[in-house]
Amino acid sequence: MPVNQRTVLVVEDDHLILLNARILLENAGLSVLVANDALQALELLDARPEVSALFTDVIMPGPIDGVALAEEVSRRRPDIPVFITSGSPETAQRTLPASASFLPKPYTASQLTSLLVA
């Protein structure tokens, strides 16, 4: 992996959406780590210091949802940008972490890559 290559941690419990996001981001030249829930994502974040961005869904299994994950990641690693996605209209009503950007589902390839490729 090139030294300057950005590594994105993608957290999504829907296998097809996760696979699609991974392919889109890898095709854009990013290194991608994947997690199926927030607990797995936090383990990866702690184990992989090269993570330079988080892209997470809101609704997923387990005791921690995507908003709480975004808050915890921002607390542990304030240096990395956090991007939250959801197809649920209720998510737009929630208070998201100040450090997070929101991308509603369904999103296009160009919308996703424009957020994470800088």
PDB file of N, CA and C in Angstrom:
ATOM      1  N   MET A   1       0.852  -1.193   0.000  1.00  0.00           N
ATOM      2  CA  MET A   1       0.000   0.000   0.000  1.00  0.00           C
ATOM      3  C   MET A   1       0.885   1.240   0.000  1.00  0.00           C
ATOM      4  N   PRO A   2       0.629   2.190  -0.893  1.00  0.00           N
ATOM      5  CA  PRO A   2       1.398   3.429  -0.912  1.00  0.00           C
ATOM      6  C   PRO A   2       1.269   4.168   0.417  1.00  0.00           C
ATOM      7  N   VAL A   3       2.329   4.861   0.805  1.00  0.00           N
ATOM      8  CA  VAL A   3       2.355   5.556   2.094  1.00  0.00           C
ATOM      9  C   VAL A   3       1.215   6.561   2.221  1.00  0.00           C
ATOM     10  N   ASN A   4       0.875   7.264   1.167  1.00  0.00           N
ATOM     11  CA  ASN A   4      -0.136   8.320   1.238  1.00  0.00           C
ATOM     12  C   ASN A   4      -1.545   7.837   0.920  1.00  0.00           C
ATOM     13  N   GLN A   5      -1.744   6.537   0.739  1.00  0.00           N
ATOM     14  CA  GLN A   5      -3.070   6.038   0.408  1.00  0.00           C
ATOM     15  C   GLN A   5      -3.983   6.128   1.626  1.00  0.00           C
ATOM     16  N   ARG A   6      -5.147   6.674   1.423  1.00  0.00           N
ATOM     17  CA  ARG A   6      -6.119   6.831   2.497  1.00  0.00           C
ATOM     18  C   ARG A   6      -6.787   5.492   2.778  1.00  0.00           C
ATOM     19  N   THR A   7      -6.972   5.176   4.065  1.00  0.00           N
ATOM     20  CA  THR A   7      -7.645   3.948   4.478  1.00  0.00           C
ATOM     21  C   THR A   7      -8.970   4.310   5.126  1.00  0.00           C
ATOM     22  N   VAL A   8     -10.047   3.801   4.551  1.00  0.00           N
ATOM     23  CA  VAL A   8     -11.393   4.095   5.023  1.00  0.00           C
ATOM     24  C   VAL A   8     -11.954   2.860   5.716  1.00  0.00           C
ATOM     25  N   LEU A   9     -12.520   3.054   6.894  1.00  0.00           N
ATOM     26  CA  LEU A   9     -13.227   1.996   7.602  1.00  0.00           C
ATOM     27  C   LEU A   9     -14.706   2.145   7.280  1.00  0.00           C
ATOM     28  N   VAL A  10     -15.266   1.138   6.608  1.00  0.00           N
ATOM     29  CA  VAL A  10     -16.672   1.156   6.215  1.00  0.00           C
ATOM     30  C   VAL A  10     -17.432   0.202   7.132  1.00  0.00           C
ATOM     31  N   VAL A  11     -18.506   0.705   7.751  1.00  0.00           N
ATOM     32  CA  VAL A  11     -19.293  -0.089   8.693  1.00  0.00           C
ATOM     33  C   VAL A  11     -20.723  -0.182   8.173  1.00  0.00           C
ATOM     34  N   GLU A  12     -21.130  -1.394   7.831  1.00  0.00           N
ATOM     35  CA  GLU A  12     -22.449  -1.619   7.223  1.00  0.00           C
ATOM     36  C   GLU A  12     -22.838  -3.064   7.453  1.00  0.00           C
ATOM     37  N   ASP A  13     -24.068  -3.310   7.916  1.00  0.00           N
ATOM     38  CA  ASP A  13     -24.489  -4.686   8.173  1.00  0.00           C
ATOM     39  C   ASP A  13     -25.136  -5.350   6.959  1.00  0.00           C
ATOM     40  N   ASP A  14     -25.540  -4.591   5.972  1.00  0.00           N
ATOM     41  CA  ASP A  14     -26.113  -5.168   4.749  1.00  0.00           C
ATOM     42  C   ASP A  14     -24.962  -5.552   3.819  1.00  0.00           C
ATOM     43  N   HIS A  15     -24.806  -6.852   3.582  1.00  0.00           N
ATOM     44  CA  HIS A  15     -23.659  -7.353   2.832  1.00  0.00           C
ATOM     45  C   HIS A  15     -23.550  -6.735   1.433  1.00  0.00           C
ATOM     46  N   LEU A  16     -24.664  -6.606   0.722  1.00  0.00           N
ATOM     47  CA  LEU A  16     -24.604  -6.063  -0.643  1.00  0.00           C
ATOM     48  C   LEU A  16     -24.221  -4.584  -0.654  1.00  0.00           C
ATOM     49  N   ILE A  17     -24.755  -3.819   0.279  1.00  0.00           N
ATOM     50  CA  ILE A  17     -24.400  -2.400   0.353  1.00  0.00           C
ATOM     51  C   ILE A  17     -22.929  -2.259   0.735  1.00  0.00           C
ATOM     52  N   LEU A  18     -22.475  -3.091   1.676  1.00  0.00           N
ATOM     53  CA  LEU A  18     -21.072  -3.068   2.087  1.00  0.00           C
ATOM     54  C   LEU A  18     -20.159  -3.407   0.919  1.00  0.00           C
ATOM     55  N   LEU A  19     -20.496  -4.442   0.178  1.00  0.00           N
ATOM     56  CA  LEU A  19     -19.694  -4.844  -0.979  1.00  0.00           C
ATOM     57  C   LEU A  19     -19.651  -3.733  -2.031  1.00  0.00           C
ATOM     58  N   ASN A  20     -20.788  -3.120  -2.285  1.00  0.00           N
ATOM     59  CA  ASN A  20     -20.852  -2.029  -3.258  1.00  0.00           C
ATOM     60  C   ASN A  20     -19.974  -0.847  -2.827  1.00  0.00           C
ATOM     61  N   ALA A  21     -20.088  -0.446  -1.569  1.00  0.00           N
ATOM     62  CA  ALA A  21     -19.277   0.679  -1.071  1.00  0.00           C
ATOM     63  C   ALA A  21     -17.792   0.333  -1.163  1.00  0.00           C
ATOM     64  N   ARG A  22     -17.457  -0.881  -0.800  1.00  0.00           N
ATOM     65  CA  ARG A  22     -16.047  -1.299  -0.852  1.00  0.00           C
ATOM     66  C   ARG A  22     -15.507  -1.230  -2.269  1.00  0.00           C
ATOM     67  N   ILE A  23     -16.254  -1.761  -3.219  1.00  0.00           N
ATOM     68  CA  ILE A  23     -15.811  -1.752  -4.622  1.00  0.00           C
ATOM     69  C   ILE A  23     -15.669  -0.320  -5.125  1.00  0.00           C
ATOM     70  N   LEU A  24     -16.651   0.524  -4.842  1.00  0.00           N
ATOM     71  CA  LEU A  24     -16.591   1.916  -5.295  1.00  0.00           C
ATOM     72  C   LEU A  24     -15.361   2.627  -4.739  1.00  0.00           C
ATOM     73  N   LEU A  25     -15.101   2.441  -3.463  1.00  0.00           N
ATOM     74  CA  LEU A  25     -13.984   3.131  -2.832  1.00  0.00           C
ATOM     75  C   LEU A  25     -12.636   2.563  -3.272  1.00  0.00           C
ATOM     76  N   GLU A  26     -12.547   1.255  -3.423  1.00  0.00           N
ATOM     77  CA  GLU A  26     -11.301   0.662  -3.915  1.00  0.00           C
ATOM     78  C   GLU A  26     -11.027   1.097  -5.351  1.00  0.00           C
ATOM     79  N   ASN A  27     -12.064   1.164  -6.166  1.00  0.00           N
ATOM     80  CA  ASN A  27     -11.895   1.631  -7.546  1.00  0.00           C
ATOM     81  C   ASN A  27     -11.470   3.092  -7.609  1.00  0.00           C
ATOM     82  N   ALA A  28     -11.769   3.836  -6.552  1.00  0.00           N
ATOM     83  CA  ALA A  28     -11.352   5.244  -6.472  1.00  0.00           C
ATOM     84  C   ALA A  28      -9.938   5.378  -5.909  1.00  0.00           C
ATOM     85  N   GLY A  29      -9.306   4.238  -5.610  1.00  0.00           N
ATOM     86  CA  GLY A  29      -7.924   4.263  -5.154  1.00  0.00           C
ATOM     87  C   GLY A  29      -7.719   4.239  -3.658  1.00  0.00           C
ATOM     88  N   LEU A  30      -8.786   3.988  -2.905  1.00  0.00           N
ATOM     89  CA  LEU A  30      -8.673   3.951  -1.456  1.00  0.00           C
ATOM     90  C   LEU A  30      -8.446   2.527  -0.960  1.00  0.00           C
ATOM     91  N   SER A  31      -7.807   2.422   0.176  1.00  0.00           N
ATOM     92  CA  SER A  31      -7.713   1.155   0.884  1.00  0.00           C
ATOM     93  C   SER A  31      -8.939   1.080   1.780  1.00  0.00           C
ATOM     94  N   VAL A  32      -9.594  -0.088   1.833  1.00  0.00           N
ATOM     95  CA  VAL A  32     -10.852  -0.200   2.569  1.00  0.00           C
ATOM     96  C   VAL A  32     -10.782  -1.342   3.578  1.00  0.00           C
ATOM     97  N   LEU A  33     -11.156  -1.037   4.813  1.00  0.00           N
ATOM     98  CA  LEU A  33     -11.382  -2.037   5.849  1.00  0.00           C
ATOM     99  C   LEU A  33     -12.882  -2.081   6.080  1.00  0.00           C
ATOM    100  N   VAL A  34     -13.422  -3.251   6.379  1.00  0.00           N
ATOM    101  CA  VAL A  34     -14.866  -3.366   6.563  1.00  0.00           C
ATOM    102  C   VAL A  34     -15.190  -3.984   7.916  1.00  0.00           C
ATOM    103  N   ALA A  35     -16.342  -3.558   8.456  1.00  0.00           N
ATOM    104  CA  ALA A  35     -16.879  -4.110   9.698  1.00  0.00           C
ATOM    105  C   ALA A  35     -18.386  -4.228   9.534  1.00  0.00           C
ATOM    106  N   ASN A  36     -18.953  -5.243  10.183  1.00  0.00           N
ATOM    107  CA  ASN A  36     -20.392  -5.476  10.094  1.00  0.00           C
ATOM    108  C   ASN A  36     -21.181  -4.843  11.228  1.00  0.00           C
ATOM    109  N   ASP A  37     -20.474  -4.377  12.264  1.00  0.00           N
ATOM    110  CA  ASP A  37     -21.154  -3.704  13.367  1.00  0.00           C
ATOM    111  C   ASP A  37     -20.166  -2.773  14.065  1.00  0.00           C
ATOM    112  N   ALA A  38     -20.679  -2.010  15.000  1.00  0.00           N
ATOM    113  CA  ALA A  38     -19.863  -0.980  15.658  1.00  0.00           C
ATOM    114  C   ALA A  38     -18.766  -1.576  16.533  1.00  0.00           C
ATOM    115  N   LEU A  39     -19.050  -2.673  17.219  1.00  0.00           N
ATOM    116  CA  LEU A  39     -18.028  -3.275  18.074  1.00  0.00           C
ATOM    117  C   LEU A  39     -16.832  -3.748  17.249  1.00  0.00           C
ATOM    118  N   GLN A  40     -17.108  -4.392  16.126  1.00  0.00           N
ATOM    119  CA  GLN A  40     -16.036  -4.818  15.229  1.00  0.00           C
ATOM    120  C   GLN A  40     -15.283  -3.604  14.691  1.00  0.00           C
ATOM    121  N   ALA A  41     -15.993  -2.541  14.389  1.00  0.00           N
ATOM    122  CA  ALA A  41     -15.359  -1.321  13.878  1.00  0.00           C
ATOM    123  C   ALA A  41     -14.411  -0.719  14.906  1.00  0.00           C
ATOM    124  N   LEU A  42     -14.814  -0.684  16.171  1.00  0.00           N
ATOM    125  CA  LEU A  42     -13.951  -0.126  17.214  1.00  0.00           C
ATOM    126  C   LEU A  42     -12.699  -0.977  17.413  1.00  0.00           C
ATOM    127  N   GLU A  43     -12.840  -2.293  17.304  1.00  0.00           N
ATOM    128  CA  GLU A  43     -11.671  -3.179  17.388  1.00  0.00           C
ATOM    129  C   GLU A  43     -10.695  -2.873  16.251  1.00  0.00           C
ATOM    130  N   LEU A  44     -11.223  -2.723  15.041  1.00  0.00           N
ATOM    131  CA  LEU A  44     -10.367  -2.401  13.889  1.00  0.00           C
ATOM    132  C   LEU A  44      -9.710  -1.034  14.057  1.00  0.00           C
ATOM    133  N   LEU A  45     -10.470  -0.071  14.539  1.00  0.00           N
ATOM    134  CA  LEU A  45      -9.933   1.274  14.739  1.00  0.00           C
ATOM    135  C   LEU A  45      -8.747   1.244  15.699  1.00  0.00           C
ATOM    136  N   ASP A  46      -8.878   0.476  16.770  1.00  0.00           N
ATOM    137  CA  ASP A  46      -7.791   0.373  17.749  1.00  0.00           C
ATOM    138  C   ASP A  46      -6.588  -0.379  17.190  1.00  0.00           C
ATOM    139  N   ALA A  47      -6.843  -1.383  16.364  1.00  0.00           N
ATOM    140  CA  ALA A  47      -5.768  -2.233  15.851  1.00  0.00           C
ATOM    141  C   ALA A  47      -5.087  -1.675  14.607  1.00  0.00           C
ATOM    142  N   ARG A  48      -5.753  -0.773  13.910  1.00  0.00           N
ATOM    143  CA  ARG A  48      -5.245  -0.297  12.623  1.00  0.00           C
ATOM    144  C   ARG A  48      -5.108   1.224  12.625  1.00  0.00           C
ATOM    145  N   PRO A  49      -3.967   1.721  13.072  1.00  0.00           N
ATOM    146  CA  PRO A  49      -3.776   3.177  13.171  1.00  0.00           C
ATOM    147  C   PRO A  49      -3.799   3.893  11.824  1.00  0.00           C
ATOM    148  N   GLU A  50      -3.693   3.153  10.727  1.00  0.00           N
ATOM    149  CA  GLU A  50      -3.712   3.794   9.411  1.00  0.00           C
ATOM    150  C   GLU A  50      -5.109   4.214   8.973  1.00  0.00           C
ATOM    151  N   VAL A  51      -6.160   3.856   9.738  1.00  0.00           N
ATOM    152  CA  VAL A  51      -7.519   4.283   9.383  1.00  0.00           C
ATOM    153  C   VAL A  51      -7.548   5.809   9.375  1.00  0.00           C
ATOM    154  N   SER A  52      -7.987   6.368   8.256  1.00  0.00           N
ATOM    155  CA  SER A  52      -7.971   7.825   8.109  1.00  0.00           C
ATOM    156  C   SER A  52      -9.349   8.423   7.855  1.00  0.00           C
ATOM    157  N   ALA A  53     -10.397   7.565   7.828  1.00  0.00           N
ATOM    158  CA  ALA A  53     -11.773   8.051   7.685  1.00  0.00           C
ATOM    159  C   ALA A  53     -12.723   6.929   8.080  1.00  0.00           C
ATOM    160  N   LEU A  54     -13.907   7.309   8.555  1.00  0.00           N
ATOM    161  CA  LEU A  54     -14.958   6.357   8.910  1.00  0.00           C
ATOM    162  C   LEU A  54     -16.184   6.662   8.074  1.00  0.00           C
ATOM    163  N   PHE A  55     -16.772   5.609   7.492  1.00  0.00           N
ATOM    164  CA  PHE A  55     -18.038   5.723   6.766  1.00  0.00           C
ATOM    165  C   PHE A  55     -18.963   4.674   7.360  1.00  0.00           C
ATOM    166  N   THR A  56     -20.012   5.108   8.064  1.00  0.00           N
ATOM    167  CA  THR A  56     -20.871   4.170   8.781  1.00  0.00           C
ATOM    168  C   THR A  56     -22.351   4.385   8.514  1.00  0.00           C
ATOM    169  N   ASP A  57     -23.061   3.277   8.483  1.00  0.00           N
ATOM    170  CA  ASP A  57     -24.512   3.312   8.458  1.00  0.00           C
ATOM    171  C   ASP A  57     -24.988   3.619   9.876  1.00  0.00           C
ATOM    172  N   VAL A  58     -26.216   4.074  10.026  1.00  0.00           N
ATOM    173  CA  VAL A  58     -26.754   4.372  11.348  1.00  0.00           C
ATOM    174  C   VAL A  58     -27.329   3.108  11.985  1.00  0.00           C
ATOM    175  N   ILE A  59     -28.213   2.446  11.275  1.00  0.00           N
ATOM    176  CA  ILE A  59     -28.926   1.314  11.852  1.00  0.00           C
ATOM    177  C   ILE A  59     -28.156   0.032  11.571  1.00  0.00           C
ATOM    178  N   MET A  60     -27.745  -0.636  12.670  1.00  0.00           N
ATOM    179  CA  MET A  60     -27.047  -1.908  12.551  1.00  0.00           C
ATOM    180  C   MET A  60     -27.240  -2.700  13.835  1.00  0.00           C
ATOM    181  N   PRO A  61     -26.938  -3.994  13.779  1.00  0.00           N
ATOM    182  CA  PRO A  61     -27.153  -4.820  14.963  1.00  0.00           C
ATOM    183  C   PRO A  61     -26.161  -4.497  16.073  1.00  0.00           C
ATOM    184  N   GLY A  62     -26.524  -4.909  17.268  1.00  0.00           N
ATOM    185  CA  GLY A  62     -25.630  -4.724  18.401  1.00  0.00           C
ATOM    186  C   GLY A  62     -26.036  -3.554  19.263  1.00  0.00           C
ATOM    187  N   PRO A  63     -25.289  -3.364  20.336  1.00  0.00           N
ATOM    188  CA  PRO A  63     -25.657  -2.338  21.322  1.00  0.00           C
ATOM    189  C   PRO A  63     -25.299  -0.913  20.919  1.00  0.00           C
ATOM    190  N   ILE A  64     -24.516  -0.747  19.848  1.00  0.00           N
ATOM    191  CA  ILE A  64     -24.056   0.582  19.447  1.00  0.00           C
ATOM    192  C   ILE A  64     -24.521   0.849  18.023  1.00  0.00           C
ATOM    193  N   ASP A  65     -25.260   1.943  17.817  1.00  0.00           N
ATOM    194  CA  ASP A  65     -25.659   2.295  16.453  1.00  0.00           C
ATOM    195  C   ASP A  65     -24.589   3.182  15.818  1.00  0.00           C
ATOM    196  N   GLY A  66     -24.820   3.549  14.576  1.00  0.00           N
ATOM    197  CA  GLY A  66     -23.831   4.333  13.839  1.00  0.00           C
ATOM    198  C   GLY A  66     -23.573   5.716  14.393  1.00  0.00           C
ATOM    199  N   VAL A  67     -24.579   6.345  14.981  1.00  0.00           N
ATOM    200  CA  VAL A  67     -24.384   7.677  15.559  1.00  0.00           C
ATOM    201  C   VAL A  67     -23.499   7.581  16.798  1.00  0.00           C
ATOM    202  N   ALA A  68     -23.786   6.607  17.652  1.00  0.00           N
ATOM    203  CA  ALA A  68     -22.941   6.406  18.838  1.00  0.00           C
ATOM    204  C   ALA A  68     -21.528   6.009  18.428  1.00  0.00           C
ATOM    205  N   LEU A  69     -21.410   5.205  17.380  1.00  0.00           N
ATOM    206  CA  LEU A  69     -20.085   4.841  16.865  1.00  0.00           C
ATOM    207  C   LEU A  69     -19.345   6.087  16.397  1.00  0.00           C
ATOM    208  N   ALA A  70     -20.018   6.938  15.659  1.00  0.00           N
ATOM    209  CA  ALA A  70     -19.390   8.170  15.166  1.00  0.00           C
ATOM    210  C   ALA A  70     -18.912   9.036  16.322  1.00  0.00           C
ATOM    211  N   GLU A  71     -19.708   9.123  17.367  1.00  0.00           N
ATOM    212  CA  GLU A  71     -19.312   9.902  18.549  1.00  0.00           C
ATOM    213  C   GLU A  71     -18.069   9.308  19.207  1.00  0.00           C
ATOM    214  N   GLU A  72     -18.045   7.982  19.333  1.00  0.00           N
ATOM    215  CA  GLU A  72     -16.911   7.323  19.971  1.00  0.00           C
ATOM    216  C   GLU A  72     -15.642   7.444  19.120  1.00  0.00           C
ATOM    217  N   VAL A  73     -15.791   7.294  17.819  1.00  0.00           N
ATOM    218  CA  VAL A  73     -14.633   7.445  16.927  1.00  0.00           C
ATOM    219  C   VAL A  73     -14.110   8.878  16.992  1.00  0.00           C
ATOM    220  N   SER A  74     -15.000   9.844  17.012  1.00  0.00           N
ATOM    221  CA  SER A  74     -14.579  11.246  17.112  1.00  0.00           C
ATOM    222  C   SER A  74     -13.864  11.514  18.436  1.00  0.00           C
ATOM    223  N   ARG A  75     -14.281  10.835  19.492  1.00  0.00           N
ATOM    224  CA  ARG A  75     -13.628  10.987  20.791  1.00  0.00           C
ATOM    225  C   ARG A  75     -12.239  10.337  20.773  1.00  0.00           C
ATOM    226  N   ARG A  76     -12.160   9.114  20.229  1.00  0.00           N
ATOM    227  CA  ARG A  76     -10.885   8.381  20.211  1.00  0.00           C
ATOM    228  C   ARG A  76      -9.902   8.924  19.184  1.00  0.00           C
ATOM    229  N   ARG A  77     -10.431   9.309  18.043  1.00  0.00           N
ATOM    230  CA  ARG A  77      -9.581   9.728  16.926  1.00  0.00           C
ATOM    231  C   ARG A  77     -10.133  11.009  16.299  1.00  0.00           C
ATOM    232  N   PRO A  78      -9.996  12.139  16.985  1.00  0.00           N
ATOM    233  CA  PRO A  78     -10.554  13.390  16.449  1.00  0.00           C
ATOM    234  C   PRO A  78      -9.889  13.822  15.145  1.00  0.00           C
ATOM    235  N   ASP A  79      -8.797  13.153  14.767  1.00  0.00           N
ATOM    236  CA  ASP A  79      -8.072  13.495  13.547  1.00  0.00           C
ATOM    237  C   ASP A  79      -8.709  12.938  12.282  1.00  0.00           C
ATOM    238  N   ILE A  80      -9.671  12.014  12.409  1.00  0.00           N
ATOM    239  CA  ILE A  80     -10.226  11.422  11.191  1.00  0.00           C
ATOM    240  C   ILE A  80     -11.649  11.913  10.930  1.00  0.00           C
ATOM    241  N   PRO A  81     -11.963  12.167   9.676  1.00  0.00           N
ATOM    242  CA  PRO A  81     -13.322  12.584   9.339  1.00  0.00           C
ATOM    243  C   PRO A  81     -14.298  11.412   9.459  1.00  0.00           C
ATOM    244  N   VAL A  82     -15.522  11.743   9.822  1.00  0.00           N
ATOM    245  CA  VAL A  82     -16.572  10.752  10.017  1.00  0.00           C
ATOM    246  C   VAL A  82     -17.724  11.081   9.075  1.00  0.00           C
ATOM    247  N   PHE A  83     -18.184  10.053   8.369  1.00  0.00           N
ATOM    248  CA  PHE A  83     -19.296  10.194   7.430  1.00  0.00           C
ATOM    249  C   PHE A  83     -20.361   9.183   7.812  1.00  0.00           C
ATOM    250  N   ILE A  84     -21.604   9.650   7.924  1.00  0.00           N
ATOM    251  CA  ILE A  84     -22.724   8.815   8.343  1.00  0.00           C
ATOM    252  C   ILE A  84     -23.716   8.719   7.200  1.00  0.00           C
ATOM    253  N   THR A  85     -24.252   7.512   6.990  1.00  0.00           N
ATOM    254  CA  THR A  85     -25.255   7.307   5.959  1.00  0.00           C
ATOM    255  C   THR A  85     -26.459   6.589   6.540  1.00  0.00           C
ATOM    256  N   SER A  86     -27.621   6.815   5.935  1.00  0.00           N
ATOM    257  CA  SER A  86     -28.832   6.114   6.332  1.00  0.00           C
ATOM    258  C   SER A  86     -29.902   6.323   5.280  1.00  0.00           C
ATOM    259  N   GLY A  87     -30.739   5.312   5.154  1.00  0.00           N
ATOM    260  CA  GLY A  87     -31.899   5.429   4.284  1.00  0.00           C
ATOM    261  C   GLY A  87     -33.154   5.725   5.069  1.00  0.00           C
ATOM    262  N   SER A  88     -33.012   5.857   6.380  1.00  0.00           N
ATOM    263  CA  SER A  88     -34.152   6.101   7.251  1.00  0.00           C
ATOM    264  C   SER A  88     -34.425   7.597   7.373  1.00  0.00           C
ATOM    265  N   PRO A  89     -35.657   8.027   7.084  1.00  0.00           N
ATOM    266  CA  PRO A  89     -35.976   9.455   7.201  1.00  0.00           C
ATOM    267  C   PRO A  89     -35.816   9.982   8.625  1.00  0.00           C
ATOM    268  N   GLU A  90     -35.941   9.108   9.631  1.00  0.00           N
ATOM    269  CA  GLU A  90     -35.799   9.538  11.020  1.00  0.00           C
ATOM    270  C   GLU A  90     -34.379  10.003  11.333  1.00  0.00           C
ATOM    271  N   THR A  91     -33.414   9.479  10.592  1.00  0.00           N
ATOM    272  CA  THR A  91     -32.025   9.845  10.857  1.00  0.00           C
ATOM    273  C   THR A  91     -31.797  11.332  10.636  1.00  0.00           C
ATOM    274  N   ALA A  92     -32.432  11.891   9.643  1.00  0.00           N
ATOM    275  CA  ALA A  92     -32.282  13.316   9.362  1.00  0.00           C
ATOM    276  C   ALA A  92     -32.763  14.160  10.541  1.00  0.00           C
ATOM    277  N   GLN A  93     -33.647  13.588  11.367  1.00  0.00           N
ATOM    278  CA  GLN A  93     -34.178  14.296  12.530  1.00  0.00           C
ATOM    279  C   GLN A  93     -33.249  14.204  13.739  1.00  0.00           C
ATOM    280  N   ARG A  94     -32.332  13.243  13.725  1.00  0.00           N
ATOM    281  CA  ARG A  94     -31.443  13.026  14.876  1.00  0.00           C
ATOM    282  C   ARG A  94     -30.324  14.048  14.896  1.00  0.00           C
ATOM    283  N   THR A  95     -29.814  14.266  16.083  1.00  0.00           N
ATOM    284  CA  THR A  95     -28.653  15.125  16.225  1.00  0.00           C
ATOM    285  C   THR A  95     -27.416  14.288  15.955  1.00  0.00           C
ATOM    286  N   LEU A  96     -26.698  14.652  14.932  1.00  0.00           N
ATOM    287  CA  LEU A  96     -25.485  13.942  14.575  1.00  0.00           C
ATOM    288  C   LEU A  96     -24.287  14.652  15.194  1.00  0.00           C
ATOM    289  N   PRO A  97     -23.197  13.933  15.412  1.00  0.00           N
ATOM    290  CA  PRO A  97     -22.002  14.585  15.952  1.00  0.00           C
ATOM    291  C   PRO A  97     -21.577  15.763  15.077  1.00  0.00           C
ATOM    292  N   ALA A  98     -21.110  16.813  15.702  1.00  0.00           N
ATOM    293  CA  ALA A  98     -20.715  18.018  14.970  1.00  0.00           C
ATOM    294  C   ALA A  98     -19.623  17.729  13.945  1.00  0.00           C
ATOM    295  N   SER A  99     -18.798  16.739  14.245  1.00  0.00           N
ATOM    296  CA  SER A  99     -17.684  16.422  13.351  1.00  0.00           C
ATOM    297  C   SER A  99     -18.088  15.545  12.177  1.00  0.00           C
ATOM    298  N   ALA A 100     -19.337  15.103  12.137  1.00  0.00           N
ATOM    299  CA  ALA A 100     -19.781  14.157  11.114  1.00  0.00           C
ATOM    300  C   ALA A 100     -20.490  14.842   9.949  1.00  0.00           C
ATOM    301  N   SER A 101     -20.335  14.243   8.781  1.00  0.00           N
ATOM    302  CA  SER A 101     -21.077  14.658   7.591  1.00  0.00           C
ATOM    303  C   SER A 101     -22.089  13.560   7.275  1.00  0.00           C
ATOM    304  N   PHE A 102     -23.248  13.951   6.747  1.00  0.00           N
ATOM    305  CA  PHE A 102     -24.322  12.994   6.462  1.00  0.00           C
ATOM    306  C   PHE A 102     -24.498  12.805   4.964  1.00  0.00           C
ATOM    307  N   LEU A 103     -24.638  11.549   4.536  1.00  0.00           N
ATOM    308  CA  LEU A 103     -24.902  11.198   3.141  1.00  0.00           C
ATOM    309  C   LEU A 103     -26.127  10.293   3.121  1.00  0.00           C
ATOM    310  N   PRO A 104     -27.273  10.778   2.623  1.00  0.00           N
ATOM    311  CA  PRO A 104     -28.479   9.942   2.627  1.00  0.00           C
ATOM    312  C   PRO A 104     -28.391   8.812   1.593  1.00  0.00           C
ATOM    313  N   LYS A 105     -28.999   7.683   1.945  1.00  0.00           N
ATOM    314  CA  LYS A 105     -29.146   6.570   1.009  1.00  0.00           C
ATOM    315  C   LYS A 105     -30.430   6.791   0.245  1.00  0.00           C
ATOM    316  N   PRO A 106     -30.508   6.402  -0.987  1.00  0.00           N
ATOM    317  CA  PRO A 106     -29.420   5.834  -1.770  1.00  0.00           C
ATOM    318  C   PRO A 106     -28.482   6.927  -2.249  1.00  0.00           C
ATOM    319  N   TYR A 107     -27.211   6.640  -2.246  1.00  0.00           N
ATOM    320  CA  TYR A 107     -26.217   7.590  -2.728  1.00  0.00           C
ATOM    321  C   TYR A 107     -25.613   7.052  -4.020  1.00  0.00           C
ATOM    322  N   THR A 108     -25.079   7.964  -4.800  1.00  0.00           N
ATOM    323  CA  THR A 108     -24.447   7.558  -6.048  1.00  0.00           C
ATOM    324  C   THR A 108     -22.959   7.311  -5.811  1.00  0.00           C
ATOM    325  N   ALA A 109     -22.338   6.664  -6.761  1.00  0.00           N
ATOM    326  CA  ALA A 109     -20.898   6.414  -6.683  1.00  0.00           C
ATOM    327  C   ALA A 109     -20.141   7.724  -6.575  1.00  0.00           C
ATOM    328  N   SER A 110     -20.530   8.706  -7.358  1.00  0.00           N
ATOM    329  CA  SER A 110     -19.806   9.983  -7.330  1.00  0.00           C
ATOM    330  C   SER A 110     -20.011  10.717  -6.005  1.00  0.00           C
ATOM    331  N   GLN A 111     -21.188  10.612  -5.408  1.00  0.00           N
ATOM    332  CA  GLN A 111     -21.412  11.240  -4.103  1.00  0.00           C
ATOM    333  C   GLN A 111     -20.519  10.611  -3.042  1.00  0.00           C
ATOM    334  N   LEU A 112     -20.429   9.293  -3.044  1.00  0.00           N
ATOM    335  CA  LEU A 112     -19.614   8.600  -2.051  1.00  0.00           C
ATOM    336  C   LEU A 112     -18.139   8.908  -2.251  1.00  0.00           C
ATOM    337  N   THR A 113     -17.660   8.778  -3.449  1.00  0.00           N
ATOM    338  CA  THR A 113     -16.229   8.987  -3.681  1.00  0.00           C
ATOM    339  C   THR A 113     -15.830  10.446  -3.498  1.00  0.00           C
ATOM    340  N   SER A 114     -16.719  11.383  -3.817  1.00  0.00           N
ATOM    341  CA  SER A 114     -16.363  12.794  -3.640  1.00  0.00           C
ATOM    342  C   SER A 114     -16.186  13.144  -2.170  1.00  0.00           C
ATOM    343  N   LEU A 115     -16.904  12.451  -1.289  1.00  0.00           N
ATOM    344  CA  LEU A 115     -16.738  12.680   0.146  1.00  0.00           C
ATOM    345  C   LEU A 115     -15.408  12.139   0.655  1.00  0.00           C
ATOM    346  N   LEU A 116     -15.025  10.966   0.170  1.00  0.00           N
ATOM    347  CA  LEU A 116     -13.915  10.250   0.774  1.00  0.00           C
ATOM    348  C   LEU A 116     -12.605  10.333   0.011  1.00  0.00           C
ATOM    349  N   VAL A 117     -12.634  10.818  -1.202  1.00  0.00           N
ATOM    350  CA  VAL A 117     -11.384  10.963  -1.965  1.00  0.00           C
ATOM    351  C   VAL A 117     -11.023  12.434  -1.950  1.00  0.00           C
ATOM    352  N   ALA A 118      -9.961  12.743  -1.273  1.00  0.00           N
ATOM    353  CA  ALA A 118      -9.540  14.135  -1.182  1.00  0.00           C
ATOM    354  C   ALA A 118      -8.091  14.279  -1.574  1.00  0.00           C
TER     355      ALA A 118
END
